[in-house]
Amino acid sequence: MTEREQHTDSKTTARKIVATFDEFRNSYDRYVDQMDDLVSSLDGDEALHRKAQFLVTGLDHVAIFMQSAEDVVRWRIKPVADK
C-alpha cells in the first residue's frame, strides 16, 4: 500500500469512527432522556422505580467514558478525517 493509499484509508476510517461515535452519542443521550422520563413517571411503583432509577443514576462510569471518548474523537480522530 502506498503512502497516499494509506492516508486515504486512514481518512476514510477516521470519518467512519466520527460518524459512528456521533450516532452512539445521540443514542446514549436519547436513552438517558427516556430513562429519566420513565423514572420520574413511576411514582406509584416503588420496586420498579428503584430498579429503573439505577438505570439512570448508575451511568456515572458511562458518562465519564462518553466525555473522554468525545475528547479523543474531537481532538485526535476528527482532524485526521478532515485532512
Protein backbone atom coordinates (compact mmCIF):
# COMPACT_ATOMS: atom_id res chain seq x y z
CA MET A 1 0.00 0.00 0.00
CA THR A 2 1.39 3.38 -0.96
CA GLU A 3 1.59 6.25 1.49
CA ARG A 4 -1.20 8.03 -0.37
CA GLU A 5 -3.44 4.94 -0.24
CA GLN A 6 -2.70 4.54 3.45
CA HIS A 7 -3.55 8.20 4.10
CA THR A 8 -6.83 7.84 2.17
CA ASP A 9 -7.65 4.62 4.04
CA SER A 10 -6.91 6.30 7.40
CA LYS A 11 -9.06 9.29 6.48
CA THR A 12 -11.97 7.04 5.49
CA THR A 13 -11.66 5.04 8.71
CA ALA A 14 -11.49 8.22 10.79
CA ARG A 15 -14.65 9.54 9.12
CA LYS A 16 -16.45 6.27 9.89
CA ILE A 17 -15.35 6.45 13.53
CA VAL A 18 -16.56 10.05 13.88
CA ALA A 19 -19.93 9.20 12.29
CA THR A 20 -20.36 6.07 14.42
CA PHE A 21 -19.46 7.94 17.60
CA ASP A 22 -21.95 10.70 16.76
CA GLU A 23 -24.68 8.06 16.32
CA PHE A 24 -23.64 6.39 19.59
CA ARG A 25 -23.62 9.69 21.50
CA ASN A 26 -27.05 10.65 20.13
CA SER A 27 -28.48 7.23 21.02
CA TYR A 28 -26.99 7.43 24.50
CA ASP A 29 -28.47 10.90 25.03
CA ARG A 30 -31.92 9.66 23.92
CA TYR A 31 -31.62 6.65 26.25
CA VAL A 32 -30.78 8.84 29.25
CA ASP A 33 -33.64 11.23 28.46
CA GLN A 34 -36.12 8.38 28.06
CA MET A 35 -34.97 6.64 31.25
CA ASP A 36 -35.17 9.91 33.14
CA ASP A 37 -38.75 10.39 31.89
CA LEU A 38 -39.63 6.82 32.88
CA VAL A 39 -38.15 7.07 36.36
CA SER A 40 -39.95 10.32 37.07
CA SER A 41 -43.26 8.80 35.92
CA LEU A 42 -43.07 5.68 38.11
CA ASP A 43 -44.01 7.23 41.44
CA GLY A 44 -46.70 4.62 42.13
CA ASP A 45 -44.47 1.53 41.70
CA GLU A 46 -41.65 1.78 44.25
CA ALA A 47 -39.93 -1.53 43.38
CA LEU A 48 -39.83 -0.74 39.67
CA HIS A 49 -38.92 2.88 40.43
CA ARG A 50 -35.84 1.78 42.43
CA LYS A 51 -34.64 -0.56 39.68
CA ALA A 52 -35.34 1.91 36.88
CA GLN A 53 -33.69 4.74 38.82
CA PHE A 54 -30.45 2.76 38.89
CA LEU A 55 -30.52 2.68 35.09
CA VAL A 56 -30.11 6.47 35.20
CA THR A 57 -28.03 7.04 38.33
CA GLY A 58 -25.78 4.04 37.57
CA LEU A 59 -24.50 5.71 34.42
CA ASP A 60 -21.66 7.68 36.06
CA HIS A 61 -18.97 5.48 34.51
CA VAL A 62 -20.62 5.66 31.12
CA ALA A 63 -20.82 9.46 31.36
CA ILE A 64 -17.09 9.64 32.17
CA PHE A 65 -16.37 7.31 29.25
CA MET A 66 -18.50 9.43 26.92
CA GLN A 67 -16.72 12.62 27.94
CA SER A 68 -13.28 11.07 27.43
CA ALA A 69 -14.30 9.42 24.17
CA GLU A 70 -15.71 12.67 22.84
CA ASP A 71 -12.41 14.41 23.59
CA VAL A 72 -10.48 11.71 21.73
CA VAL A 73 -12.86 11.78 18.76
CA ARG A 74 -12.95 15.58 18.60
CA TRP A 75 -9.24 16.32 19.10
CA ARG A 76 -7.47 13.22 17.75
CA ILE A 77 -9.65 11.44 15.20
CA LYS A 78 -11.70 14.25 13.62
CA PRO A 79 -8.57 16.14 12.46
CA VAL A 80 -7.48 13.02 10.54
CA ALA A 81 -10.93 12.80 8.95
CA ASP A 82 -10.79 16.48 7.96
CA LYS A 83 -7.40 16.35 6.20
